[in-house]
Amino acid sequence: MSKNKTGKLWNFLDHLAGDKVVWLILLLLMMFSILFIFSSSSRLISSTTSRLDIMKDHLKIVALGLAFVIILYQIKNIEFFRKVSFLGLPLSLLLLLILYIFHGTELCPEVNGAVRFIEIHGLQIHVLEIVKVAMIMYIAAVIDAFENNKIAPLFEKISQKEHFEWLSKLWAQKIIIIYIPFILVILLCIKASITASIFISAILAVTIAVGTKDVKVLLVMAAIMGVIVGGLYASYTHSINNGEKPHKLASRIGTGVNRVFSPNYYKIYKESTDKRKKNEALDKLRQPYSARLAIKQGVIPKGPGQSTQRYVVPDMSEDYMFSFIIEEYGILGGLLIMILYVSLAARGVLIIKNCGNNIFAKCAVFGLVLLISGQAFIHILVNMDFGLLTGQTLPLLSHGSFAFLCFSIAFGIILSISRISNKRIERQAKMLAMENADPVKSSLDSLDQMESALEENEYEDIPQTEGDY
């Protein structure tokens, strides 16, 4: 890229408020997604759908995702996000209950033994992608409410009644507001995907532990998850041993455990004389082996559009996108993608520092950045054969319109909070400068700034709450 083009790009970013590095990461990921989807989408081509059709659809999704980012970025009041975030729990439970109740119907069709989306007139609403973002925002709002003593008044009247005195205790309030919702969401997520439920529970647990500064929360969450998985697996084995059909929730635990303790398909393929078993083992090996082969061949990049493994791996544009990137763009291409996600995590730390005493803003940014970067590196590790296939896509790069939009919303919230935090720092710098200036001139300047602020609504981003916000 020439210096002139680089200068124009940075000049464009310079006019944007908020964290400019996060803006740059977002725009680069969106541009790369257009290139990667075009090259890797051969599996999606059919008699009625051409590669050009796929690109047109993806360009619409990118434009819509960018529109979501800009809309959220324009919100200048952190209180708006705080209030809306409390809807994250009821929204998540509603969508998960629809999946559970209408399992296997036209509304919630079953794919590979799992139900993960709601289909309405051809539109697939991937519930787990919504739950990830919604529950992070809910947890951030709840932690903020506890830390600022806003939860206790809600239980005050009820705790005064007989037999309900225990509701005045902090541990009881945390059980009702944090742990019970956590258990309900994870239980319902397990039916859709056990790996996704473990990933979501880990993100929420770490966010709660960091937000409350209580590491014991991790142990509590891990214990809860262990009890849930252990109980459902016991139910699964009991049903199988008695020749009964496992419960809806327990069936997915069986699938997950069988995947962990799966037989050595490589050994079966090499040693088995049964042709049927040999072919079954080959089917199990083909996809992960081809993905690893794509990475190996990427030592000498094949170039855009020259991938061969995309014709072998059915989920190349989704679960194995990083392998595809290495195959076509080489180690440097894969390294660039990793740097973008690492940079996002680093900028997230800086944004959190700039959030002052606002616990909600800190927890929301932490959770969302952890979600994006964490999912990216889980995807990368799986592609490099350092773990079981989890079905976690590469954020903003893998094929999947609904996931793309949900991650765009996450970026929009991060950028909005970074914009508000930067405004706070600018105001503090101005106040400090005025304190060190001539008192008379400082007073006149303050009056001028106040008058112009009232006329231009410059301070509309400052909510009327405690803290620096």
Protein backbone atom coordinates (compact mmCIF):
# COMPACT_ATOMS: atom_id res chain seq x y z
CA MET A 1 0.00 0.00 0.00
CA SER A 2 1.45 3.38 -0.98
CA LYS A 3 2.13 6.13 1.55
CA ASN A 4 -0.57 8.24 -0.11
CA LYS A 5 -3.23 5.56 0.34
CA THR A 6 -2.09 4.85 3.87
CA GLY A 7 -2.27 8.55 4.68
CA LYS A 8 -5.78 8.82 3.25
CA LEU A 9 -6.95 5.83 5.30
CA TRP A 10 -5.46 7.24 8.51
CA ASN A 11 -6.88 10.71 7.76
CA PHE A 12 -10.29 9.08 7.40
CA LEU A 13 -9.85 7.25 10.71
CA ASP A 14 -8.58 10.46 12.33
CA HIS A 15 -12.02 12.04 11.86
CA LEU A 16 -13.68 9.18 13.76
CA ALA A 17 -14.15 9.40 17.49
CA GLY A 18 -13.48 6.37 19.61
CA ASP A 19 -10.51 4.01 19.44
CA LYS A 20 -9.00 4.36 15.96
CA VAL A 21 -7.07 1.10 16.17
CA VAL A 22 -10.31 -0.81 16.84
CA TRP A 23 -11.86 0.97 13.85
CA LEU A 24 -8.90 -0.11 11.72
CA ILE A 25 -9.15 -3.73 12.96
CA LEU A 26 -12.87 -3.79 12.20
CA LEU A 27 -12.52 -2.36 8.69
CA LEU A 28 -9.63 -4.71 7.83
CA LEU A 29 -11.56 -7.77 9.03
CA MET A 30 -14.58 -6.73 6.97
CA MET A 31 -12.47 -6.18 3.85
CA PHE A 32 -10.65 -9.48 4.32
CA SER A 33 -13.97 -11.28 4.80
CA ILE A 34 -15.09 -10.19 1.34
CA LEU A 35 -11.94 -11.65 -0.21
CA PHE A 36 -11.96 -14.86 1.85
CA ILE A 37 -15.65 -15.65 1.33
CA PHE A 38 -15.31 -15.14 -2.42
CA SER A 39 -12.37 -17.58 -2.58
CA SER A 40 -13.66 -20.24 -0.17
CA SER A 41 -17.33 -20.46 -1.08
CA SER A 42 -17.12 -23.17 -3.74
CA ARG A 43 -19.13 -25.52 -1.47
CA LEU A 44 -22.01 -23.04 -1.43
CA ILE A 45 -22.30 -22.90 -5.23
CA SER A 46 -25.31 -24.77 -6.65
CA SER A 47 -27.37 -24.93 -9.82
CA THR A 48 -29.35 -21.90 -8.67
CA THR A 49 -26.57 -20.01 -6.84
CA SER A 50 -23.38 -18.72 -8.42
CA ARG A 51 -20.28 -17.33 -6.73
CA LEU A 52 -21.41 -13.86 -7.78
CA ASP A 53 -24.72 -14.41 -5.95
CA ILE A 54 -22.84 -15.44 -2.82
CA MET A 55 -20.67 -12.33 -3.04
CA LYS A 56 -23.69 -10.06 -3.50
CA ASP A 57 -25.31 -11.57 -0.40
CA HIS A 58 -22.12 -11.21 1.62
CA LEU A 59 -21.63 -7.59 0.52
CA LYS A 60 -25.15 -6.86 1.78
CA ILE A 61 -24.29 -8.48 5.12
CA VAL A 62 -21.07 -6.47 5.39
CA ALA A 63 -22.96 -3.25 4.62
CA LEU A 64 -25.65 -4.12 7.18
CA GLY A 65 -23.02 -5.01 9.79
CA LEU A 66 -21.21 -1.71 9.20
CA ALA A 67 -24.56 0.11 9.52
CA PHE A 68 -25.12 -1.58 12.92
CA VAL A 69 -21.65 -0.47 14.03
CA ILE A 70 -22.26 3.15 12.98
CA ILE A 71 -25.70 3.27 14.65
CA LEU A 72 -24.32 1.94 17.95
CA TYR A 73 -21.24 4.13 17.66
CA GLN A 74 -23.50 7.20 17.49
CA ILE A 75 -25.04 6.43 20.91
CA LYS A 76 -23.38 8.85 23.32
CA ASN A 77 -25.01 7.86 26.60
CA ILE A 78 -23.66 4.85 28.48
CA GLU A 79 -26.88 4.72 30.48
CA PHE A 80 -28.73 3.59 27.34
CA PHE A 81 -26.53 0.49 27.06
CA ARG A 82 -26.83 -0.15 30.79
CA LYS A 83 -30.65 -0.17 30.76
CA VAL A 84 -31.00 -2.19 27.54
CA SER A 85 -28.48 -4.77 28.81
CA PHE A 86 -30.93 -5.99 31.47
CA LEU A 87 -33.05 -7.30 28.58
CA GLY A 88 -30.22 -9.66 27.66
CA LEU A 89 -31.42 -12.37 30.05
CA PRO A 90 -35.13 -12.47 29.06
CA LEU A 91 -34.16 -12.29 25.37
CA SER A 92 -31.73 -15.20 25.73
CA LEU A 93 -34.18 -17.33 27.70
CA LEU A 94 -37.00 -16.63 25.24
CA LEU A 95 -34.96 -17.65 22.18
CA LEU A 96 -33.50 -20.73 23.91
CA LEU A 97 -36.94 -21.84 25.08
CA ILE A 98 -38.24 -21.55 21.51
CA LEU A 99 -35.39 -23.85 20.41
CA TYR A 100 -36.20 -26.29 23.21
CA ILE A 101 -39.98 -26.36 22.74
CA PHE A 102 -40.06 -26.41 18.94
CA HIS A 103 -37.12 -28.80 18.56
CA GLY A 104 -37.20 -30.63 15.24
CA THR A 105 -40.10 -28.64 13.76
CA GLU A 106 -40.09 -26.38 10.70
CA LEU A 107 -39.50 -23.43 13.00
CA CYS A 108 -36.45 -25.04 14.59
CA PRO A 109 -35.14 -27.75 12.22
CA GLU A 110 -32.61 -30.29 13.43
CA VAL A 111 -29.19 -30.35 11.76
CA ASN A 112 -26.70 -33.13 12.67
CA GLY A 113 -28.68 -33.96 15.79
CA ALA A 114 -28.67 -30.36 17.07
CA VAL A 115 -31.06 -27.41 16.88
CA ARG A 116 -29.21 -24.11 16.74
CA PHE A 117 -31.35 -21.68 14.79
CA ILE A 118 -34.89 -20.43 14.34
CA GLU A 119 -35.98 -20.32 10.71
CA ILE A 120 -38.62 -17.77 9.67
CA HIS A 121 -39.41 -17.43 5.96
CA GLY A 122 -35.90 -18.54 4.99
CA LEU A 123 -34.20 -16.28 7.56
CA GLN A 124 -32.05 -18.26 9.98
CA ILE A 125 -31.71 -16.68 13.43
CA HIS A 126 -28.69 -18.31 15.07
CA VAL A 127 -29.71 -18.17 18.70
CA LEU A 128 -26.37 -18.93 20.33
CA GLU A 129 -24.71 -15.99 18.57
CA ILE A 130 -27.31 -13.66 20.10
CA VAL A 131 -26.99 -15.31 23.52
CA LYS A 132 -23.21 -14.74 23.60
CA VAL A 133 -23.51 -10.96 23.22
CA ALA A 134 -26.78 -10.56 25.17
CA MET A 135 -25.58 -12.45 28.25
CA ILE A 136 -22.26 -10.61 28.38
CA MET A 137 -24.14 -7.31 28.43
CA TYR A 138 -26.57 -8.62 31.06
CA ILE A 139 -23.73 -9.78 33.32
CA ALA A 140 -21.99 -6.39 32.93
CA ALA A 141 -25.17 -4.57 33.96
CA VAL A 142 -25.76 -6.89 36.93
CA ILE A 143 -22.19 -6.58 38.22
CA ASP A 144 -22.46 -2.80 37.99
CA ALA A 145 -25.76 -2.88 39.87
CA PHE A 146 -24.26 -4.99 42.68
CA GLU A 147 -21.13 -2.87 42.97
CA ASN A 148 -23.20 0.35 43.14
CA ASN A 149 -25.69 -1.13 45.64
CA LYS A 150 -28.65 -0.95 43.27
CA ILE A 151 -29.80 -4.54 43.77
CA ALA A 152 -30.52 -4.48 47.52
CA PRO A 153 -33.42 -1.96 47.26
CA LEU A 154 -35.21 -4.33 44.86
CA PHE A 155 -35.32 -7.04 47.54
CA GLU A 156 -35.88 -4.73 50.52
CA LYS A 157 -39.71 -4.90 50.64
CA ILE A 158 -39.86 -8.65 50.00
CA SER A 159 -37.18 -9.41 52.63
CA GLN A 160 -39.29 -7.65 55.29
CA LYS A 161 -42.00 -10.29 54.95
CA GLU A 162 -42.02 -13.41 57.07
CA HIS A 163 -39.96 -16.35 55.76
CA PHE A 164 -38.24 -14.07 53.19
CA GLU A 165 -35.68 -12.44 55.48
CA TRP A 166 -32.92 -14.41 53.74
CA LEU A 167 -33.42 -12.25 50.62
CA SER A 168 -31.64 -9.40 52.38
CA LYS A 169 -28.41 -11.42 52.27
CA LEU A 170 -25.94 -10.63 49.48
CA TRP A 171 -25.32 -14.32 48.72
CA ALA A 172 -29.07 -14.89 48.18
CA GLN A 173 -29.33 -11.94 45.83
CA LYS A 174 -26.35 -13.18 43.81
CA ILE A 175 -27.89 -16.65 43.53
CA ILE A 176 -31.14 -15.20 42.17
CA ILE A 177 -29.65 -12.54 39.89
CA ILE A 178 -26.46 -14.25 38.67
CA TYR A 179 -26.24 -17.99 39.35
CA ILE A 180 -29.81 -19.13 38.57
CA PRO A 181 -29.86 -17.25 35.23
CA PHE A 182 -26.43 -18.72 34.47
CA ILE A 183 -27.68 -22.27 35.16
CA LEU A 184 -30.86 -21.81 33.09
CA VAL A 185 -29.02 -20.36 30.09
CA ILE A 186 -26.28 -23.01 30.11
CA LEU A 187 -28.80 -25.86 30.48
CA LEU A 188 -30.75 -24.63 27.46
CA CYS A 189 -27.56 -23.97 25.48
CA ILE A 190 -26.41 -27.55 25.97
CA LYS A 191 -29.28 -28.80 23.83
CA ALA A 192 -28.05 -26.68 20.95
CA SER A 193 -24.30 -27.23 21.39
CA ILE A 194 -22.32 -28.54 24.34
CA THR A 195 -19.09 -26.92 23.13
CA ALA A 196 -20.82 -23.55 22.69
CA SER A 197 -22.37 -23.84 26.16
CA ILE A 198 -18.94 -24.52 27.71
CA PHE A 199 -17.46 -21.57 25.80
CA ILE A 200 -20.29 -19.23 26.85
CA SER A 201 -20.07 -20.36 30.47
CA ALA A 202 -16.30 -19.76 30.48
CA ILE A 203 -16.67 -16.23 29.04
CA LEU A 204 -19.38 -15.34 31.56
CA ALA A 205 -17.46 -16.84 34.50
CA VAL A 206 -14.26 -14.93 33.68
CA THR A 207 -16.22 -11.69 33.16
CA ILE A 208 -17.95 -12.09 36.54
CA ALA A 209 -14.66 -12.94 38.28
CA VAL A 210 -12.90 -9.90 36.80
CA GLY A 211 -15.86 -7.58 37.38
CA THR A 212 -16.33 -8.59 41.01
CA LYS A 213 -12.59 -9.11 41.62
CA ASP A 214 -13.47 -12.47 43.16
CA VAL A 215 -11.53 -15.43 41.74
CA LYS A 216 -13.69 -17.82 43.79
CA VAL A 217 -16.45 -17.16 41.24
CA LEU A 218 -14.48 -19.23 38.73
CA LEU A 219 -14.49 -22.18 41.10
CA VAL A 220 -18.22 -21.79 41.77
CA MET A 221 -19.02 -21.57 38.04
CA ALA A 222 -16.77 -24.55 37.28
CA ALA A 223 -18.49 -26.55 40.02
CA ILE A 224 -21.94 -25.64 38.65
CA MET A 225 -20.87 -26.64 35.14
CA GLY A 226 -19.42 -29.90 36.46
CA VAL A 227 -22.63 -30.77 38.28
CA ILE A 228 -24.73 -29.98 35.18
CA VAL A 229 -22.56 -32.06 32.83
CA GLY A 230 -22.19 -34.90 35.35
CA GLY A 231 -25.92 -35.07 36.06
CA LEU A 232 -26.89 -35.03 32.40
CA TYR A 233 -24.29 -37.67 31.52
CA ALA A 234 -25.59 -39.90 34.33
CA SER A 235 -29.10 -39.47 32.88
CA TYR A 236 -27.75 -40.31 29.41
CA THR A 237 -25.98 -43.51 30.48
CA HIS A 238 -28.98 -44.61 32.56
CA SER A 239 -31.29 -44.21 29.56
CA ILE A 240 -28.90 -46.03 27.20
CA ASN A 241 -28.39 -48.93 29.64
CA ASN A 242 -32.18 -49.33 30.01
CA GLY A 243 -32.77 -49.15 26.27
CA GLU A 244 -34.62 -45.85 26.58
CA LYS A 245 -34.34 -42.69 24.53
CA PRO A 246 -32.19 -40.10 26.36
CA HIS A 247 -33.70 -36.81 27.47
CA LYS A 248 -33.36 -33.89 25.04
CA LEU A 249 -30.64 -32.23 27.10
CA ALA A 250 -28.81 -35.45 28.01
CA SER A 251 -28.55 -36.59 24.38
CA ARG A 252 -26.13 -33.74 23.54
CA ILE A 253 -23.96 -34.63 26.55
CA GLY A 254 -23.68 -38.14 25.14
CA THR A 255 -22.62 -36.74 21.79
CA GLY A 256 -19.98 -34.55 23.42
CA VAL A 257 -18.57 -37.31 25.63
CA ASN A 258 -18.46 -39.75 22.72
CA ARG A 259 -16.53 -37.15 20.73
CA VAL A 260 -14.00 -36.72 23.52
CA PHE A 261 -13.52 -40.47 23.96
CA SER A 262 -13.89 -41.32 20.29
CA PRO A 263 -12.04 -44.37 18.97
CA ASN A 264 -8.73 -44.10 17.14
CA TYR A 265 -10.10 -43.73 13.61
CA TYR A 266 -6.60 -43.59 12.15
CA LYS A 267 -5.80 -47.00 13.64
CA ILE A 268 -9.16 -48.41 12.47
CA TYR A 269 -8.54 -47.12 8.95
CA LYS A 270 -5.07 -48.67 8.83
CA GLU A 271 -5.81 -52.03 10.45
CA SER A 272 -9.47 -52.82 9.78
CA THR A 273 -10.31 -55.41 7.15
CA ASP A 274 -13.99 -54.50 7.20
CA LYS A 275 -14.54 -52.21 4.20
CA ARG A 276 -17.56 -50.51 5.79
CA LYS A 277 -15.67 -49.67 9.00
CA LYS A 278 -12.69 -48.53 6.94
CA ASN A 279 -14.86 -46.08 4.97
CA GLU A 280 -16.55 -44.80 8.14
CA ALA A 281 -13.14 -44.14 9.70
CA LEU A 282 -12.00 -42.37 6.53
CA ASP A 283 -15.07 -40.08 6.65
CA LYS A 284 -14.20 -39.14 10.23
CA LEU A 285 -10.58 -38.43 9.31
CA ARG A 286 -11.05 -36.64 6.01
CA GLN A 287 -12.11 -33.20 7.24
CA PRO A 288 -9.56 -32.59 10.06
CA TYR A 289 -6.76 -34.22 8.03
CA SER A 290 -7.51 -32.06 4.99
CA ALA A 291 -7.59 -28.94 7.17
CA ARG A 292 -4.14 -29.80 8.59
CA LEU A 293 -2.93 -30.52 5.07
CA ALA A 294 -4.11 -27.07 3.99
CA ILE A 295 -1.96 -25.50 6.73
CA LYS A 296 1.04 -27.64 5.77
CA GLN A 297 0.72 -26.68 2.10
CA GLY A 298 0.49 -23.01 3.13
CA VAL A 299 4.24 -22.91 3.80
CA ILE A 300 4.35 -21.96 0.12
CA PRO A 301 1.10 -19.97 -0.36
CA LYS A 302 -1.00 -21.01 -3.34
CA GLY A 303 -2.46 -17.56 -3.89
CA PRO A 304 -6.05 -16.21 -3.89
CA GLY A 305 -8.57 -18.62 -5.40
CA GLN A 306 -6.07 -21.50 -5.68
CA SER A 307 -7.08 -23.58 -2.67
CA THR A 308 -7.60 -27.28 -3.34
CA GLN A 309 -8.73 -28.42 0.12
CA ARG A 310 -11.89 -26.27 -0.07
CA TYR A 311 -13.29 -28.97 -2.38
CA VAL A 312 -12.59 -31.65 0.25
CA VAL A 313 -13.52 -29.93 3.54
CA PRO A 314 -17.29 -29.22 3.63
CA ASP A 315 -16.95 -26.61 6.40
CA MET A 316 -13.87 -24.85 4.99
CA SER A 317 -15.62 -21.46 4.84
CA GLU A 318 -16.92 -21.84 8.41
CA ASP A 319 -15.20 -24.14 10.91
CA TYR A 320 -11.88 -24.28 9.00
CA MET A 321 -11.52 -20.74 7.68
CA PHE A 322 -8.08 -20.26 9.26
CA SER A 323 -6.76 -23.37 7.47
CA PHE A 324 -8.04 -21.93 4.21
CA ILE A 325 -6.35 -18.57 4.88
CA ILE A 326 -3.00 -20.31 5.52
CA GLU A 327 -3.33 -22.44 2.38
CA GLU A 328 -3.98 -19.50 0.05
CA TYR A 329 -2.13 -16.64 1.78
CA GLY A 330 0.59 -18.48 3.63
CA ILE A 331 2.01 -18.15 7.11
CA LEU A 332 2.21 -14.36 6.79
CA GLY A 333 -1.53 -14.18 5.98
CA GLY A 334 -2.36 -16.28 9.03
CA LEU A 335 0.03 -14.24 11.18
CA LEU A 336 -1.63 -11.00 10.07
CA ILE A 337 -5.06 -12.32 11.11
CA MET A 338 -3.69 -13.37 14.51
CA ILE A 339 -2.10 -9.94 15.00
CA LEU A 340 -5.48 -8.27 14.38
CA TYR A 341 -7.16 -10.29 17.14
CA VAL A 342 -4.23 -9.81 19.54
CA SER A 343 -4.31 -6.06 18.81
CA LEU A 344 -8.03 -6.00 19.61
CA ALA A 345 -7.34 -7.60 23.00
CA ALA A 346 -4.58 -5.06 23.68
CA ARG A 347 -6.78 -2.10 22.72
CA GLY A 348 -9.53 -3.53 24.89
CA VAL A 349 -7.22 -3.26 27.91
CA LEU A 350 -6.51 0.38 27.04
CA ILE A 351 -10.23 1.20 26.64
CA ILE A 352 -10.97 -0.41 30.01
CA LYS A 353 -8.31 1.78 31.65
CA ASN A 354 -9.94 4.86 30.11
CA CYS A 355 -13.36 3.93 31.51
CA GLY A 356 -12.54 5.39 34.90
CA ASN A 357 -14.82 4.10 37.67
CA ASN A 358 -17.63 2.93 35.41
CA ILE A 359 -17.87 -0.78 36.20
CA PHE A 360 -20.53 -1.49 33.57
CA ALA A 361 -18.37 -0.06 30.77
CA LYS A 362 -15.33 -1.99 31.96
CA CYS A 363 -17.16 -5.32 32.19
CA ALA A 364 -18.95 -4.88 28.85
CA VAL A 365 -15.73 -4.09 26.97
CA PHE A 366 -13.84 -6.88 28.75
CA GLY A 367 -16.51 -9.49 28.01
CA LEU A 368 -17.01 -8.51 24.36
CA VAL A 369 -13.27 -8.32 23.60
CA LEU A 370 -12.75 -11.67 25.35
CA LEU A 371 -15.59 -13.14 23.29
CA ILE A 372 -14.16 -12.00 19.93
CA SER A 373 -10.48 -12.69 20.55
CA GLY A 374 -11.16 -15.83 22.60
CA GLN A 375 -13.37 -17.39 19.95
CA ALA A 376 -10.82 -16.48 17.27
CA PHE A 377 -8.00 -18.31 19.02
CA ILE A 378 -10.15 -21.34 19.86
CA HIS A 379 -10.95 -21.55 16.13
CA ILE A 380 -7.23 -21.22 15.26
CA LEU A 381 -6.15 -23.89 17.79
CA VAL A 382 -8.77 -26.34 16.50
CA ASN A 383 -7.61 -25.74 12.92
CA MET A 384 -4.06 -26.48 14.04
CA ASP A 385 -5.28 -29.76 15.61
CA PHE A 386 -4.81 -28.68 19.21
CA GLY A 387 -8.36 -29.54 20.24
CA LEU A 388 -11.65 -31.12 19.29
CA LEU A 389 -13.85 -29.51 16.64
CA THR A 390 -15.97 -26.98 18.52
CA GLY A 391 -17.90 -25.35 15.67
CA GLN A 392 -16.65 -21.91 16.75
CA THR A 393 -16.24 -19.73 13.67
CA LEU A 394 -13.55 -17.12 13.01
CA PRO A 395 -15.20 -13.80 14.01
CA LEU A 396 -16.13 -11.59 11.03
CA LEU A 397 -14.20 -13.86 8.63
CA SER A 398 -16.03 -17.21 8.54
CA HIS A 399 -19.15 -17.58 6.44
CA GLY A 400 -22.32 -16.97 8.42
CA SER A 401 -24.47 -13.90 8.08
CA PHE A 402 -26.04 -13.88 11.53
CA ALA A 403 -22.75 -14.44 13.34
CA PHE A 404 -21.25 -11.59 11.29
CA LEU A 405 -24.03 -9.23 12.39
CA CYS A 406 -23.75 -10.22 16.06
CA PHE A 407 -20.01 -9.60 16.06
CA SER A 408 -20.63 -6.28 14.30
CA ILE A 409 -22.95 -5.32 17.16
CA ALA A 410 -20.21 -6.28 19.64
CA PHE A 411 -17.73 -4.04 17.79
CA GLY A 412 -20.29 -1.21 17.71
CA ILE A 413 -20.73 -1.34 21.49
CA ILE A 414 -16.95 -1.41 22.07
CA LEU A 415 -16.45 1.59 19.77
CA SER A 416 -19.28 3.54 21.39
CA ILE A 417 -17.90 2.97 24.88
CA SER A 418 -14.39 3.91 23.73
CA ARG A 419 -15.81 7.10 22.22
CA ILE A 420 -17.54 8.02 25.48
CA SER A 421 -14.42 7.23 27.54
CA ASN A 422 -12.28 9.40 25.25
CA LYS A 423 -14.72 12.28 25.72
CA ARG A 424 -14.38 11.89 29.47
CA ILE A 425 -10.60 12.08 29.24
CA GLU A 426 -10.79 15.16 27.01
CA ARG A 427 -13.06 16.89 29.53
CA GLN A 428 -10.71 16.05 32.38
CA ALA A 429 -7.75 17.41 30.39
CA LYS A 430 -9.62 20.66 29.69
CA MET A 431 -10.56 21.04 33.35
CA LEU A 432 -6.95 20.45 34.40
CA ALA A 433 -5.72 22.99 31.86
CA MET A 434 -8.22 25.57 33.11
CA GLU A 435 -7.16 25.01 36.72
CA ASN A 436 -3.56 25.81 35.78
CA ALA A 437 -4.50 28.87 33.68
CA ASP A 438 -5.13 32.46 34.77
CA PRO A 439 -8.18 32.45 37.11
CA VAL A 440 -10.01 35.34 35.39
CA LYS A 441 -9.34 34.07 31.87
CA SER A 442 -10.18 30.53 33.02
CA SER A 443 -13.58 31.67 34.33
CA LEU A 444 -14.40 33.49 31.09
CA ASP A 445 -13.32 30.48 29.02
CA SER A 446 -15.46 28.20 31.19
CA LEU A 447 -18.51 30.37 30.61
CA ASP A 448 -17.88 30.42 26.86
CA GLN A 449 -17.48 26.63 26.76
CA MET A 450 -20.61 26.09 28.83
CA GLU A 451 -22.64 28.36 26.55
CA SER A 452 -21.40 26.64 23.38
CA ALA A 453 -21.97 23.22 24.94
CA LEU A 454 -25.58 24.07 25.73
CA GLU A 455 -26.12 25.29 22.18
CA GLU A 456 -24.49 22.28 20.51
CA ASN A 457 -25.59 19.63 23.06
CA GLU A 458 -21.94 18.69 23.36
CA TYR A 459 -22.42 16.93 26.69
CA GLU A 460 -25.36 14.78 25.79
CA ASP A 461 -23.13 11.74 26.19
CA ILE A 462 -22.79 12.25 29.94
CA PRO A 463 -25.41 10.20 31.84
CA GLN A 464 -26.72 11.44 35.14
CA THR A 465 -25.25 8.66 37.29
CA GLU A 466 -22.44 8.17 39.75
CA GLY A 467 -18.84 7.79 38.63
CA ASP A 468 -16.87 9.41 35.88
CA TYR A 469 -19.70 8.88 33.39
